[in-house]
Amino acid sequence: MKFNPCNGKCTEAGTHCEGCGRSHEDIAEVAQLVNGLVSHAQKKAYENPEEFAHFIEHSIMYHLQPPE
């Protein structure tokens, strides 16, 4: 499955958003993950949230690499 980010044309009818094509379940799960990361950064009061976001991006990509 290919991830398609929100394009601002969200719909709630049916099982999938007509804007991005993702299931409403996937959208909700991703929103929950993002909200958790935001809450963590806010709780820690990071002065450099952009560095936290970059770290998360690189960490995800590292863990998605197939083992050698």
PDB file of N, CA and C in Angstrom:
ATOM      1  N   MET A   1       0.847  -1.173   0.000  1.00  0.00           N
ATOM      2  CA  MET A   1       0.000   0.000   0.000  1.00  0.00           C
ATOM      3  C   MET A   1       0.896   1.240   0.000  1.00  0.00           C
ATOM      4  N   LYS A   2       0.549   2.192  -0.799  1.00  0.00           N
ATOM      5  CA  LYS A   2       1.291   3.445  -0.852  1.00  0.00           C
ATOM      6  C   LYS A   2       0.620   4.460   0.064  1.00  0.00           C
ATOM      7  N   PHE A   3       1.420   5.168   0.870  1.00  0.00           N
ATOM      8  CA  PHE A   3       0.896   6.215   1.745  1.00  0.00           C
ATOM      9  C   PHE A   3       0.642   7.465   0.920  1.00  0.00           C
ATOM     10  N   ASN A   4      -0.534   8.022   1.073  1.00  0.00           N
ATOM     11  CA  ASN A   4      -0.878   9.287   0.441  1.00  0.00           C
ATOM     12  C   ASN A   4      -1.214  10.288   1.540  1.00  0.00           C
ATOM     13  N   PRO A   5      -0.463  11.392   1.626  1.00  0.00           N
ATOM     14  CA  PRO A   5      -0.756  12.374   2.668  1.00  0.00           C
ATOM     15  C   PRO A   5      -2.063  13.110   2.381  1.00  0.00           C
ATOM     16  N   CYS A   6      -2.581  13.736   3.413  1.00  0.00           N
ATOM     17  CA  CYS A   6      -3.802  14.532   3.270  1.00  0.00           C
ATOM     18  C   CYS A   6      -3.576  15.626   2.228  1.00  0.00           C
ATOM     19  N   ASN A   7      -4.575  15.837   1.399  1.00  0.00           N
ATOM     20  CA  ASN A   7      -4.470  16.882   0.386  1.00  0.00           C
ATOM     21  C   ASN A   7      -5.486  18.004   0.619  1.00  0.00           C
ATOM     22  N   GLY A   8      -6.142  17.979   1.780  1.00  0.00           N
ATOM     23  CA  GLY A   8      -7.090  19.030   2.126  1.00  0.00           C
ATOM     24  C   GLY A   8      -8.477  18.845   1.543  1.00  0.00           C
ATOM     25  N   LYS A   9      -8.724  17.718   0.888  1.00  0.00           N
ATOM     26  CA  LYS A   9     -10.040  17.456   0.295  1.00  0.00           C
ATOM     27  C   LYS A   9     -10.685  16.268   1.010  1.00  0.00           C
ATOM     28  N   CYS A  10     -10.684  16.337   2.346  1.00  0.00           N
ATOM     29  CA  CYS A  10     -11.127  15.226   3.187  1.00  0.00           C
ATOM     30  C   CYS A  10     -12.623  14.960   3.072  1.00  0.00           C
ATOM     31  N   THR A  11     -12.962  13.683   3.102  1.00  0.00           N
ATOM     32  CA  THR A  11     -14.356  13.259   3.144  1.00  0.00           C
ATOM     33  C   THR A  11     -14.498  12.222   4.253  1.00  0.00           C
ATOM     34  N   GLU A  12     -15.675  12.142   4.837  1.00  0.00           N
ATOM     35  CA  GLU A  12     -15.908  11.191   5.923  1.00  0.00           C
ATOM     36  C   GLU A  12     -16.864  10.075   5.539  1.00  0.00           C
ATOM     37  N   ALA A  13     -17.474  10.144   4.386  1.00  0.00           N
ATOM     38  CA  ALA A  13     -18.424   9.113   3.967  1.00  0.00           C
ATOM     39  C   ALA A  13     -17.684   7.853   3.552  1.00  0.00           C
ATOM     40  N   GLY A  14     -18.326   6.717   3.727  1.00  0.00           N
ATOM     41  CA  GLY A  14     -17.745   5.443   3.308  1.00  0.00           C
ATOM     42  C   GLY A  14     -16.603   5.008   4.202  1.00  0.00           C
ATOM     43  N   THR A  15     -15.789   4.106   3.681  1.00  0.00           N
ATOM     44  CA  THR A  15     -14.675   3.567   4.467  1.00  0.00           C
ATOM     45  C   THR A  15     -13.359   4.277   4.184  1.00  0.00           C
ATOM     46  N   HIS A  16     -13.296   5.003   3.068  1.00  0.00           N
ATOM     47  CA  HIS A  16     -12.063   5.679   2.671  1.00  0.00           C
ATOM     48  C   HIS A  16     -12.323   7.151   2.354  1.00  0.00           C
ATOM     49  N   CYS A  17     -11.328   7.982   2.639  1.00  0.00           N
ATOM     50  CA  CYS A  17     -11.394   9.396   2.286  1.00  0.00           C
ATOM     51  C   CYS A  17     -11.266   9.501   0.769  1.00  0.00           C
ATOM     52  N   GLU A  18     -12.128  10.273   0.157  1.00  0.00           N
ATOM     53  CA  GLU A  18     -12.043  10.447  -1.294  1.00  0.00           C
ATOM     54  C   GLU A  18     -10.912  11.394  -1.681  1.00  0.00           C
ATOM     55  N   GLY A  19     -10.423  12.181  -0.722  1.00  0.00           N
ATOM     56  CA  GLY A  19      -9.327  13.105  -1.005  1.00  0.00           C
ATOM     57  C   GLY A  19      -7.996  12.395  -1.155  1.00  0.00           C
ATOM     58  N   CYS A  20      -7.613  11.614  -0.134  1.00  0.00           N
ATOM     59  CA  CYS A  20      -6.298  10.955  -0.163  1.00  0.00           C
ATOM     60  C   CYS A  20      -6.386   9.464  -0.479  1.00  0.00           C
ATOM     61  N   GLY A  21      -7.585   8.890  -0.357  1.00  0.00           N
ATOM     62  CA  GLY A  21      -7.766   7.472  -0.654  1.00  0.00           C
ATOM     63  C   GLY A  21      -7.446   6.535   0.502  1.00  0.00           C
ATOM     64  N   ARG A  22      -6.996   7.094   1.631  1.00  0.00           N
ATOM     65  CA  ARG A  22      -6.665   6.256   2.781  1.00  0.00           C
ATOM     66  C   ARG A  22      -7.929   5.892   3.545  1.00  0.00           C
ATOM     67  N   SER A  23      -7.869   4.767   4.248  1.00  0.00           N
ATOM     68  CA  SER A  23      -9.024   4.366   5.057  1.00  0.00           C
ATOM     69  C   SER A  23      -9.151   5.322   6.234  1.00  0.00           C
ATOM     70  N   HIS A  24     -10.367   5.497   6.707  1.00  0.00           N
ATOM     71  CA  HIS A  24     -10.591   6.358   7.866  1.00  0.00           C
ATOM     72  C   HIS A  24      -9.891   5.771   9.092  1.00  0.00           C
ATOM     73  N   GLU A  25      -9.776   4.453   9.141  1.00  0.00           N
ATOM     74  CA  GLU A  25      -9.061   3.797  10.239  1.00  0.00           C
ATOM     75  C   GLU A  25      -7.581   4.185  10.210  1.00  0.00           C
ATOM     76  N   ASP A  26      -6.959   4.155   9.040  1.00  0.00           N
ATOM     77  CA  ASP A  26      -5.550   4.532   8.907  1.00  0.00           C
ATOM     78  C   ASP A  26      -5.351   5.991   9.287  1.00  0.00           C
ATOM     79  N   ILE A  27      -6.226   6.849   8.825  1.00  0.00           N
ATOM     80  CA  ILE A  27      -6.134   8.280   9.134  1.00  0.00           C
ATOM     81  C   ILE A  27      -6.198   8.490  10.639  1.00  0.00           C
ATOM     82  N   ALA A  28      -7.118   7.812  11.308  1.00  0.00           N
ATOM     83  CA  ALA A  28      -7.268   7.949  12.756  1.00  0.00           C
ATOM     84  C   ALA A  28      -6.037   7.429  13.491  1.00  0.00           C
ATOM     85  N   GLU A  29      -5.485   6.294  13.039  1.00  0.00           N
ATOM     86  CA  GLU A  29      -4.295   5.721  13.685  1.00  0.00           C
ATOM     87  C   GLU A  29      -3.093   6.646  13.540  1.00  0.00           C
ATOM     88  N   VAL A  30      -2.895   7.203  12.353  1.00  0.00           N
ATOM     89  CA  VAL A  30      -1.769   8.108  12.126  1.00  0.00           C
ATOM     90  C   VAL A  30      -1.952   9.372  12.965  1.00  0.00           C
ATOM     91  N   ALA A  31      -3.169   9.890  13.026  1.00  0.00           N
ATOM     92  CA  ALA A  31      -3.440  11.079  13.839  1.00  0.00           C
ATOM     93  C   ALA A  31      -3.121  10.811  15.308  1.00  0.00           C
ATOM     94  N   GLN A  32      -3.463   9.620  15.789  1.00  0.00           N
ATOM     95  CA  GLN A  32      -3.177   9.257  17.175  1.00  0.00           C
ATOM     96  C   GLN A  32      -1.662   9.197  17.412  1.00  0.00           C
ATOM     97  N   LEU A  33      -0.925   8.630  16.477  1.00  0.00           N
ATOM     98  CA  LEU A  33       0.535   8.573  16.594  1.00  0.00           C
ATOM     99  C   LEU A  33       1.146   9.978  16.618  1.00  0.00           C
ATOM    100  N   VAL A  34       0.704  10.827  15.710  1.00  0.00           N
ATOM    101  CA  VAL A  34       1.220  12.195  15.641  1.00  0.00           C
ATOM    102  C   VAL A  34       0.874  12.950  16.919  1.00  0.00           C
ATOM    103  N   ASN A  35      -0.360  12.805  17.380  1.00  0.00           N
ATOM    104  CA  ASN A  35      -0.763  13.488  18.610  1.00  0.00           C
ATOM    105  C   ASN A  35       0.090  13.037  19.796  1.00  0.00           C
ATOM    106  N   GLY A  36       0.443  11.752  19.837  1.00  0.00           N
ATOM    107  CA  GLY A  36       1.306  11.252  20.894  1.00  0.00           C
ATOM    108  C   GLY A  36       2.695  11.873  20.843  1.00  0.00           C
ATOM    109  N   LEU A  37       3.241  12.012  19.641  1.00  0.00           N
ATOM    110  CA  LEU A  37       4.555  12.635  19.489  1.00  0.00           C
ATOM    111  C   LEU A  37       4.516  14.117  19.865  1.00  0.00           C
ATOM    112  N   VAL A  38       3.454  14.804  19.462  1.00  0.00           N
ATOM    113  CA  VAL A  38       3.298  16.215  19.815  1.00  0.00           C
ATOM    114  C   VAL A  38       3.177  16.367  21.329  1.00  0.00           C
ATOM    115  N   SER A  39       2.371  15.519  21.953  1.00  0.00           N
ATOM    116  CA  SER A  39       2.210  15.575  23.410  1.00  0.00           C
ATOM    117  C   SER A  39       3.549  15.366  24.114  1.00  0.00           C
ATOM    118  N   HIS A  40       4.336  14.403  23.620  1.00  0.00           N
ATOM    119  CA  HIS A  40       5.644  14.141  24.217  1.00  0.00           C
ATOM    120  C   HIS A  40       6.538  15.382  24.106  1.00  0.00           C
ATOM    121  N   ALA A  41       6.617  15.969  22.926  1.00  0.00           N
ATOM    122  CA  ALA A  41       7.460  17.157  22.720  1.00  0.00           C
ATOM    123  C   ALA A  41       6.997  18.313  23.593  1.00  0.00           C
ATOM    124  N   GLN A  42       5.678  18.469  23.741  1.00  0.00           N
ATOM    125  CA  GLN A  42       5.153  19.541  24.581  1.00  0.00           C
ATOM    126  C   GLN A  42       5.447  19.275  26.056  1.00  0.00           C
ATOM    127  N   LYS A  43       5.291  18.030  26.486  1.00  0.00           N
ATOM    128  CA  LYS A  43       5.542  17.671  27.885  1.00  0.00           C
ATOM    129  C   LYS A  43       7.006  17.923  28.247  1.00  0.00           C
ATOM    130  N   LYS A  44       7.903  17.619  27.329  1.00  0.00           N
ATOM    131  CA  LYS A  44       9.332  17.828  27.558  1.00  0.00           C
ATOM    132  C   LYS A  44       9.743  19.282  27.314  1.00  0.00           C
ATOM    133  N   ALA A  45       8.838  20.064  26.746  1.00  0.00           N
ATOM    134  CA  ALA A  45       9.093  21.482  26.439  1.00  0.00           C
ATOM    135  C   ALA A  45      10.372  21.659  25.623  1.00  0.00           C
ATOM    136  N   TYR A  46      10.528  20.827  24.598  1.00  0.00           N
ATOM    137  CA  TYR A  46      11.700  20.931  23.735  1.00  0.00           C
ATOM    138  C   TYR A  46      11.787  22.337  23.141  1.00  0.00           C
ATOM    139  N   GLU A  47      12.969  22.909  23.210  1.00  0.00           N
ATOM    140  CA  GLU A  47      13.195  24.227  22.630  1.00  0.00           C
ATOM    141  C   GLU A  47      13.459  24.153  21.132  1.00  0.00           C
ATOM    142  N   ASN A  48      13.696  22.928  20.648  1.00  0.00           N
ATOM    143  CA  ASN A  48      14.010  22.722  19.235  1.00  0.00           C
ATOM    144  C   ASN A  48      13.123  21.616  18.654  1.00  0.00           C
ATOM    145  N   PRO A  49      11.815  21.851  18.553  1.00  0.00           N
ATOM    146  CA  PRO A  49      10.919  20.795  18.081  1.00  0.00           C
ATOM    147  C   PRO A  49      11.223  20.322  16.663  1.00  0.00           C
ATOM    148  N   GLU A  50      11.821  21.172  15.860  1.00  0.00           N
ATOM    149  CA  GLU A  50      12.160  20.747  14.497  1.00  0.00           C
ATOM    150  C   GLU A  50      13.228  19.662  14.528  1.00  0.00           C
ATOM    151  N   GLU A  51      14.160  19.725  15.472  1.00  0.00           N
ATOM    152  CA  GLU A  51      15.174  18.683  15.611  1.00  0.00           C
ATOM    153  C   GLU A  51      14.532  17.373  16.077  1.00  0.00           C
ATOM    154  N   PHE A  52      13.571  17.462  16.970  1.00  0.00           N
ATOM    155  CA  PHE A  52      12.835  16.278  17.410  1.00  0.00           C
ATOM    156  C   PHE A  52      12.126  15.638  16.218  1.00  0.00           C
ATOM    157  N   ALA A  53      11.461  16.457  15.395  1.00  0.00           N
ATOM    158  CA  ALA A  53      10.752  15.943  14.222  1.00  0.00           C
ATOM    159  C   ALA A  53      11.721  15.276  13.246  1.00  0.00           C
ATOM    160  N   HIS A  54      12.875  15.881  13.024  1.00  0.00           N
ATOM    161  CA  HIS A  54      13.869  15.282  12.123  1.00  0.00           C
ATOM    162  C   HIS A  54      14.395  13.968  12.687  1.00  0.00           C
ATOM    163  N   PHE A  55      14.620  13.926  14.011  1.00  0.00           N
ATOM    164  CA  PHE A  55      15.076  12.698  14.645  1.00  0.00           C
ATOM    165  C   PHE A  55      14.050  11.584  14.436  1.00  0.00           C
ATOM    166  N   ILE A  56      12.778  11.887  14.644  1.00  0.00           N
ATOM    167  CA  ILE A  56      11.711  10.897  14.464  1.00  0.00           C
ATOM    168  C   ILE A  56      11.705  10.406  13.021  1.00  0.00           C
ATOM    169  N   GLU A  57      11.799  11.326  12.069  1.00  0.00           N
ATOM    170  CA  GLU A  57      11.837  10.943  10.648  1.00  0.00           C
ATOM    171  C   GLU A  57      12.985   9.978  10.372  1.00  0.00           C
ATOM    172  N   HIS A  58      14.177  10.333  10.819  1.00  0.00           N
ATOM    173  CA  HIS A  58      15.344   9.490  10.543  1.00  0.00           C
ATOM    174  C   HIS A  58      15.253   8.156  11.288  1.00  0.00           C
ATOM    175  N   SER A  59      14.724   8.177  12.489  1.00  0.00           N
ATOM    176  CA  SER A  59      14.572   6.945  13.257  1.00  0.00           C
ATOM    177  C   SER A  59      13.601   5.986  12.571  1.00  0.00           C
ATOM    178  N   ILE A  60      12.501   6.507  12.082  1.00  0.00           N
ATOM    179  CA  ILE A  60      11.526   5.670  11.371  1.00  0.00           C
ATOM    180  C   ILE A  60      12.173   5.055  10.131  1.00  0.00           C
ATOM    181  N   MET A  61      12.853   5.868   9.346  1.00  0.00           N
ATOM    182  CA  MET A  61      13.465   5.368   8.121  1.00  0.00           C
ATOM    183  C   MET A  61      14.544   4.328   8.441  1.00  0.00           C
ATOM    184  N   TYR A  62      15.307   4.536   9.518  1.00  0.00           N
ATOM    185  CA  TYR A  62      16.319   3.566   9.915  1.00  0.00           C
ATOM    186  C   TYR A  62      15.676   2.221  10.239  1.00  0.00           C
ATOM    187  N   HIS A  63      14.598   2.257  11.004  1.00  0.00           N
ATOM    188  CA  HIS A  63      13.941   1.012  11.424  1.00  0.00           C
ATOM    189  C   HIS A  63      13.176   0.322  10.295  1.00  0.00           C
ATOM    190  N   LEU A  64      12.872   1.047   9.251  1.00  0.00           N
ATOM    191  CA  LEU A  64      12.193   0.448   8.098  1.00  0.00           C
ATOM    192  C   LEU A  64      13.160  -0.174   7.098  1.00  0.00           C
ATOM    193  N   GLN A  65      14.459   0.054   7.288  1.00  0.00           N
ATOM    194  CA  GLN A  65      15.464  -0.520   6.386  1.00  0.00           C
ATOM    195  C   GLN A  65      15.439  -2.043   6.517  1.00  0.00           C
ATOM    196  N   PRO A  66      15.479  -2.743   5.413  1.00  0.00           N
ATOM    197  CA  PRO A  66      15.555  -4.213   5.506  1.00  0.00           C
ATOM    198  C   PRO A  66      16.885  -4.627   6.112  1.00  0.00           C
ATOM    199  N   PRO A  67      16.883  -5.696   6.895  1.00  0.00           N
ATOM    200  CA  PRO A  67      18.148  -6.162   7.478  1.00  0.00           C
ATOM    201  C   PRO A  67      19.120  -6.614   6.392  1.00  0.00           C
ATOM    202  N   GLU A  68      20.370  -6.420   6.644  1.00  0.00           N
ATOM    203  CA  GLU A  68      21.388  -6.806   5.645  1.00  0.00           C
ATOM    204  C   GLU A  68      21.772  -8.256   5.805  1.00  0.00           C
TER     205      GLU A  68
END
